[in-house]
N, C-alpha and C. Protein backbone atom coordinates (compact mmCIF):
# COMPACT_ATOMS: atom_id res chain seq x y z
N UNK A 1 -44.89 51.54 4.28
CA UNK A 1 -45.98 51.70 5.23
C UNK A 1 -46.54 50.32 5.59
N UNK A 2 -46.65 50.04 6.87
CA UNK A 2 -47.17 48.76 7.32
C UNK A 2 -48.69 48.72 7.20
N UNK A 3 -49.17 47.55 6.85
CA UNK A 3 -50.61 47.31 6.77
C UNK A 3 -50.94 46.21 7.77
N UNK A 4 -51.81 46.52 8.72
CA UNK A 4 -52.18 45.55 9.76
C UNK A 4 -53.61 45.11 9.50
N UNK A 5 -53.79 43.79 9.31
CA UNK A 5 -55.13 43.28 9.02
C UNK A 5 -55.57 42.27 10.08
N UNK A 6 -56.84 42.35 10.43
CA UNK A 6 -57.42 41.41 11.39
C UNK A 6 -57.64 40.08 10.68
N UNK A 7 -57.17 38.99 11.28
CA UNK A 7 -57.27 37.69 10.62
C UNK A 7 -57.99 36.64 11.47
N UNK A 8 -58.63 37.06 12.54
CA UNK A 8 -59.37 36.10 13.35
C UNK A 8 -58.95 36.11 14.81
N UNK A 9 -59.23 34.99 15.45
CA UNK A 9 -58.95 34.82 16.88
C UNK A 9 -58.01 33.63 17.05
N UNK A 10 -57.17 33.70 18.07
CA UNK A 10 -56.22 32.61 18.33
C UNK A 10 -56.95 31.26 18.40
N UNK A 11 -58.16 31.24 18.99
CA UNK A 11 -58.88 29.97 19.11
C UNK A 11 -59.41 29.43 17.79
N UNK A 12 -59.31 30.22 16.71
CA UNK A 12 -59.67 29.73 15.38
C UNK A 12 -58.65 28.72 14.87
N UNK A 13 -57.46 28.72 15.48
CA UNK A 13 -56.39 27.81 15.09
C UNK A 13 -56.23 26.78 16.20
N UNK A 14 -56.38 25.50 15.90
CA UNK A 14 -56.20 24.50 16.97
C UNK A 14 -54.74 24.45 17.43
N UNK A 15 -54.53 24.12 18.70
CA UNK A 15 -53.16 23.93 19.18
C UNK A 15 -52.48 22.87 18.33
N UNK A 16 -51.23 23.13 17.98
CA UNK A 16 -50.42 22.27 17.10
C UNK A 16 -51.06 22.14 15.72
N UNK A 17 -51.82 23.15 15.33
CA UNK A 17 -52.49 23.13 14.03
C UNK A 17 -52.21 24.39 13.25
N UNK A 18 -52.95 24.52 12.15
CA UNK A 18 -52.73 25.65 11.27
C UNK A 18 -54.03 26.12 10.63
N UNK A 19 -53.92 27.23 9.97
CA UNK A 19 -55.01 27.82 9.22
C UNK A 19 -54.38 28.63 8.10
N UNK A 20 -55.06 28.76 6.96
CA UNK A 20 -54.52 29.51 5.83
C UNK A 20 -55.38 30.75 5.61
N UNK A 21 -54.71 31.89 5.38
CA UNK A 21 -55.41 33.11 5.00
C UNK A 21 -54.89 33.56 3.65
N UNK A 22 -55.80 34.11 2.84
CA UNK A 22 -55.45 34.65 1.54
C UNK A 22 -55.12 36.13 1.70
N UNK A 23 -54.01 36.57 1.14
CA UNK A 23 -53.63 37.98 1.17
C UNK A 23 -53.19 38.40 -0.22
N UNK A 24 -52.91 39.67 -0.38
CA UNK A 24 -52.40 40.15 -1.66
C UNK A 24 -51.05 39.52 -1.99
N UNK A 25 -50.30 39.08 -0.99
CA UNK A 25 -49.02 38.41 -1.19
C UNK A 25 -49.17 36.91 -1.41
N UNK A 26 -50.39 36.41 -1.42
CA UNK A 26 -50.63 34.98 -1.59
C UNK A 26 -51.08 34.33 -0.30
N UNK A 27 -51.02 33.00 -0.28
CA UNK A 27 -51.45 32.25 0.91
C UNK A 27 -50.42 32.37 2.02
N UNK A 28 -50.94 32.63 3.22
CA UNK A 28 -50.09 32.67 4.41
C UNK A 28 -50.62 31.63 5.38
N UNK A 29 -49.71 30.80 5.89
CA UNK A 29 -50.06 29.76 6.86
C UNK A 29 -49.84 30.30 8.26
N UNK A 30 -50.87 30.16 9.09
CA UNK A 30 -50.79 30.55 10.50
C UNK A 30 -50.66 29.28 11.32
N UNK A 31 -49.76 29.27 12.27
CA UNK A 31 -49.54 28.10 13.12
C UNK A 31 -49.69 28.50 14.58
N UNK A 32 -50.33 27.62 15.36
CA UNK A 32 -50.45 27.80 16.81
C UNK A 32 -49.72 26.65 17.47
N UNK A 33 -48.80 26.98 18.35
CA UNK A 33 -48.00 25.97 19.02
C UNK A 33 -48.67 25.53 20.33
N UNK A 34 -48.10 24.52 20.95
CA UNK A 34 -48.65 24.00 22.21
C UNK A 34 -48.64 25.05 23.31
N UNK A 35 -47.69 26.01 23.24
CA UNK A 35 -47.62 27.07 24.26
C UNK A 35 -48.39 28.33 23.82
N UNK A 36 -49.28 28.18 22.84
CA UNK A 36 -50.17 29.23 22.34
C UNK A 36 -49.49 30.36 21.57
N UNK A 37 -48.24 30.19 21.18
CA UNK A 37 -47.61 31.17 20.30
C UNK A 37 -48.22 31.02 18.90
N UNK A 38 -48.34 32.12 18.17
CA UNK A 38 -48.88 32.10 16.82
C UNK A 38 -47.84 32.67 15.87
N UNK A 39 -47.59 31.95 14.78
CA UNK A 39 -46.61 32.35 13.78
C UNK A 39 -47.25 32.36 12.41
N UNK A 40 -46.69 33.15 11.50
CA UNK A 40 -47.20 33.23 10.13
C UNK A 40 -46.03 33.17 9.15
N UNK A 41 -46.15 32.29 8.16
CA UNK A 41 -45.15 32.17 7.10
C UNK A 41 -45.88 31.94 5.78
N UNK A 42 -45.16 32.19 4.68
CA UNK A 42 -45.72 31.86 3.37
C UNK A 42 -46.06 30.38 3.35
N UNK A 43 -47.17 30.02 2.72
CA UNK A 43 -47.65 28.64 2.75
C UNK A 43 -47.03 27.79 1.65
N UNK A 44 -45.72 27.88 1.51
CA UNK A 44 -45.04 27.02 0.54
C UNK A 44 -43.61 26.74 1.01
N UNK A 45 -43.29 25.49 0.98
CA UNK A 45 -41.96 25.05 1.39
C UNK A 45 -40.94 25.59 0.38
N UNK A 46 -39.77 26.03 0.85
CA UNK A 46 -38.77 26.56 -0.07
C UNK A 46 -38.11 25.49 -0.94
N UNK A 47 -38.32 24.22 -0.62
CA UNK A 47 -37.67 23.15 -1.38
C UNK A 47 -38.51 22.70 -2.56
N UNK A 48 -39.76 22.30 -2.32
CA UNK A 48 -40.62 21.79 -3.40
C UNK A 48 -42.00 22.43 -3.39
N UNK A 49 -42.11 23.61 -2.76
CA UNK A 49 -43.37 24.36 -2.71
C UNK A 49 -44.52 23.60 -2.06
N UNK A 50 -44.22 22.67 -1.18
CA UNK A 50 -45.26 21.93 -0.46
C UNK A 50 -46.08 22.85 0.43
N UNK A 51 -47.33 22.50 0.68
CA UNK A 51 -48.21 23.32 1.53
C UNK A 51 -47.84 23.17 3.01
N UNK A 52 -47.12 24.11 3.54
CA UNK A 52 -46.66 24.02 4.93
C UNK A 52 -47.81 23.92 5.91
N UNK A 53 -48.97 24.48 5.56
CA UNK A 53 -50.13 24.42 6.45
C UNK A 53 -50.58 22.99 6.71
N UNK A 54 -50.17 22.06 5.86
CA UNK A 54 -50.52 20.64 6.04
C UNK A 54 -49.43 19.88 6.78
N UNK A 55 -48.39 20.59 7.23
CA UNK A 55 -47.29 19.95 7.93
C UNK A 55 -47.59 19.71 9.40
N UNK A 56 -46.64 19.08 10.06
CA UNK A 56 -46.77 18.75 11.48
C UNK A 56 -46.04 19.81 12.31
N UNK A 57 -46.75 20.38 13.28
CA UNK A 57 -46.18 21.39 14.18
C UNK A 57 -45.64 20.67 15.41
N UNK A 58 -44.39 20.98 15.76
CA UNK A 58 -43.78 20.44 16.98
C UNK A 58 -42.83 21.49 17.51
N UNK A 59 -43.01 21.82 18.80
CA UNK A 59 -42.25 22.94 19.35
C UNK A 59 -42.58 24.19 18.57
N UNK A 60 -41.56 24.93 18.17
CA UNK A 60 -41.76 26.11 17.33
C UNK A 60 -41.27 25.83 15.91
N UNK A 61 -41.48 24.61 15.43
CA UNK A 61 -41.11 24.23 14.07
C UNK A 61 -42.29 23.56 13.38
N UNK A 62 -42.20 23.53 12.04
CA UNK A 62 -43.18 22.79 11.24
C UNK A 62 -42.38 21.92 10.27
N UNK A 63 -42.88 20.72 10.04
CA UNK A 63 -42.26 19.79 9.10
C UNK A 63 -43.09 19.74 7.83
N UNK A 64 -42.45 19.99 6.69
CA UNK A 64 -43.15 19.96 5.41
C UNK A 64 -43.74 18.58 5.16
N UNK A 65 -45.00 18.51 4.69
CA UNK A 65 -45.64 17.22 4.46
C UNK A 65 -45.09 16.47 3.25
N UNK A 66 -44.35 17.13 2.37
CA UNK A 66 -43.86 16.46 1.16
C UNK A 66 -42.56 15.70 1.37
N UNK A 67 -41.63 16.28 2.13
CA UNK A 67 -40.31 15.63 2.22
C UNK A 67 -39.59 15.87 3.54
N UNK A 68 -40.34 16.26 4.56
CA UNK A 68 -39.83 16.36 5.93
C UNK A 68 -38.82 17.47 6.20
N UNK A 69 -38.73 18.48 5.34
CA UNK A 69 -37.89 19.63 5.66
C UNK A 69 -38.49 20.32 6.87
N UNK A 70 -37.66 20.65 7.85
CA UNK A 70 -38.14 21.31 9.07
C UNK A 70 -37.79 22.78 9.04
N UNK A 71 -38.76 23.63 9.39
CA UNK A 71 -38.56 25.07 9.40
C UNK A 71 -38.86 25.63 10.78
N UNK A 72 -37.99 26.52 11.23
CA UNK A 72 -38.18 27.22 12.50
C UNK A 72 -39.22 28.31 12.27
N UNK A 73 -40.33 28.27 12.98
CA UNK A 73 -41.39 29.25 12.80
C UNK A 73 -41.02 30.63 13.36
N UNK A 74 -40.06 30.68 14.25
CA UNK A 74 -39.65 31.96 14.84
C UNK A 74 -38.88 32.84 13.86
N UNK A 75 -38.12 32.20 12.94
CA UNK A 75 -37.29 33.00 12.02
C UNK A 75 -37.41 32.58 10.56
N UNK A 76 -38.17 31.53 10.26
CA UNK A 76 -38.36 31.08 8.89
C UNK A 76 -37.22 30.26 8.33
N UNK A 77 -36.17 30.03 9.10
CA UNK A 77 -35.00 29.30 8.62
C UNK A 77 -35.17 27.79 8.76
N UNK A 78 -34.60 27.05 7.82
CA UNK A 78 -34.59 25.59 7.91
C UNK A 78 -33.75 25.17 9.10
N UNK A 79 -34.13 24.06 9.72
CA UNK A 79 -33.39 23.50 10.84
C UNK A 79 -32.34 22.55 10.27
N UNK A 80 -31.07 22.74 10.66
CA UNK A 80 -29.97 21.91 10.16
C UNK A 80 -30.26 20.43 10.40
N UNK A 81 -29.94 19.57 9.48
CA UNK A 81 -29.09 19.78 8.31
C UNK A 81 -29.84 20.31 7.08
N UNK A 82 -31.15 20.58 7.21
CA UNK A 82 -31.90 21.12 6.08
C UNK A 82 -31.42 22.54 5.78
N UNK A 83 -31.69 23.00 4.55
CA UNK A 83 -31.29 24.34 4.13
C UNK A 83 -32.46 25.06 3.50
N UNK A 84 -32.46 26.38 3.59
CA UNK A 84 -33.50 27.18 2.97
C UNK A 84 -34.21 28.04 4.00
N UNK A 85 -35.12 28.85 3.51
CA UNK A 85 -35.92 29.69 4.41
C UNK A 85 -37.25 30.01 3.73
N UNK A 86 -38.18 30.44 4.54
CA UNK A 86 -39.52 30.79 4.06
C UNK A 86 -39.82 32.20 4.55
N UNK A 87 -40.59 32.96 3.74
CA UNK A 87 -40.94 34.31 4.15
C UNK A 87 -41.79 34.27 5.41
N UNK A 88 -41.47 35.14 6.33
CA UNK A 88 -42.13 35.18 7.63
C UNK A 88 -42.88 36.49 7.77
N UNK A 89 -44.00 36.47 8.49
CA UNK A 89 -44.82 37.65 8.71
C UNK A 89 -45.05 37.82 10.21
N UNK A 90 -45.24 39.05 10.65
CA UNK A 90 -45.45 39.34 12.06
C UNK A 90 -46.93 39.20 12.41
N UNK A 91 -47.20 38.46 13.48
CA UNK A 91 -48.56 38.31 14.00
C UNK A 91 -48.61 38.94 15.38
N UNK A 92 -49.59 39.79 15.60
CA UNK A 92 -49.80 40.38 16.92
C UNK A 92 -51.07 39.76 17.50
N UNK A 93 -50.98 39.32 18.75
CA UNK A 93 -52.14 38.77 19.46
C UNK A 93 -52.48 39.77 20.55
N UNK A 94 -53.70 40.33 20.51
CA UNK A 94 -54.06 41.31 21.54
C UNK A 94 -54.53 40.61 22.81
N UNK A 95 -54.89 41.37 23.82
CA UNK A 95 -55.28 40.83 25.12
C UNK A 95 -56.52 39.94 25.05
N UNK A 96 -57.35 40.12 24.03
CA UNK A 96 -58.56 39.31 23.87
C UNK A 96 -58.34 38.11 22.95
N UNK A 97 -57.10 37.92 22.48
CA UNK A 97 -56.79 36.79 21.61
C UNK A 97 -57.05 37.07 20.13
N UNK A 98 -57.37 38.32 19.78
CA UNK A 98 -57.57 38.67 18.38
C UNK A 98 -56.21 38.69 17.67
N UNK A 99 -56.17 38.22 16.43
CA UNK A 99 -54.94 38.13 15.66
C UNK A 99 -54.91 39.21 14.58
N UNK A 100 -53.74 39.85 14.47
CA UNK A 100 -53.52 40.87 13.45
C UNK A 100 -52.21 40.56 12.72
N UNK A 101 -52.27 40.55 11.41
CA UNK A 101 -51.12 40.25 10.58
C UNK A 101 -50.55 41.55 10.04
N UNK A 102 -49.25 41.74 10.18
CA UNK A 102 -48.58 42.93 9.64
C UNK A 102 -47.97 42.56 8.31
N UNK A 103 -48.36 43.30 7.28
CA UNK A 103 -47.87 43.05 5.93
C UNK A 103 -46.92 44.16 5.51
């Protein structure tokens, strides 16, 4: 059974920035891209558990602040030549910009 929780408004996350929410599954990092897309992934790099929310957002990717591993925010997969993946969560943005996380 899916659980949909309200997590704020798109404008709570700066463009090319992030925000962290606490859930029963742990910390989830929310990212807003330059084109206003919003993505959610577990807030730990698959390589050294670095805080992805502190990484640099570019395009639809984030670069881990610890060792520059790049992850595609659309699917959670590392960008070649990097390897690995991070758990991804579905974010719904309604017409008013409200954000809902599906767990």
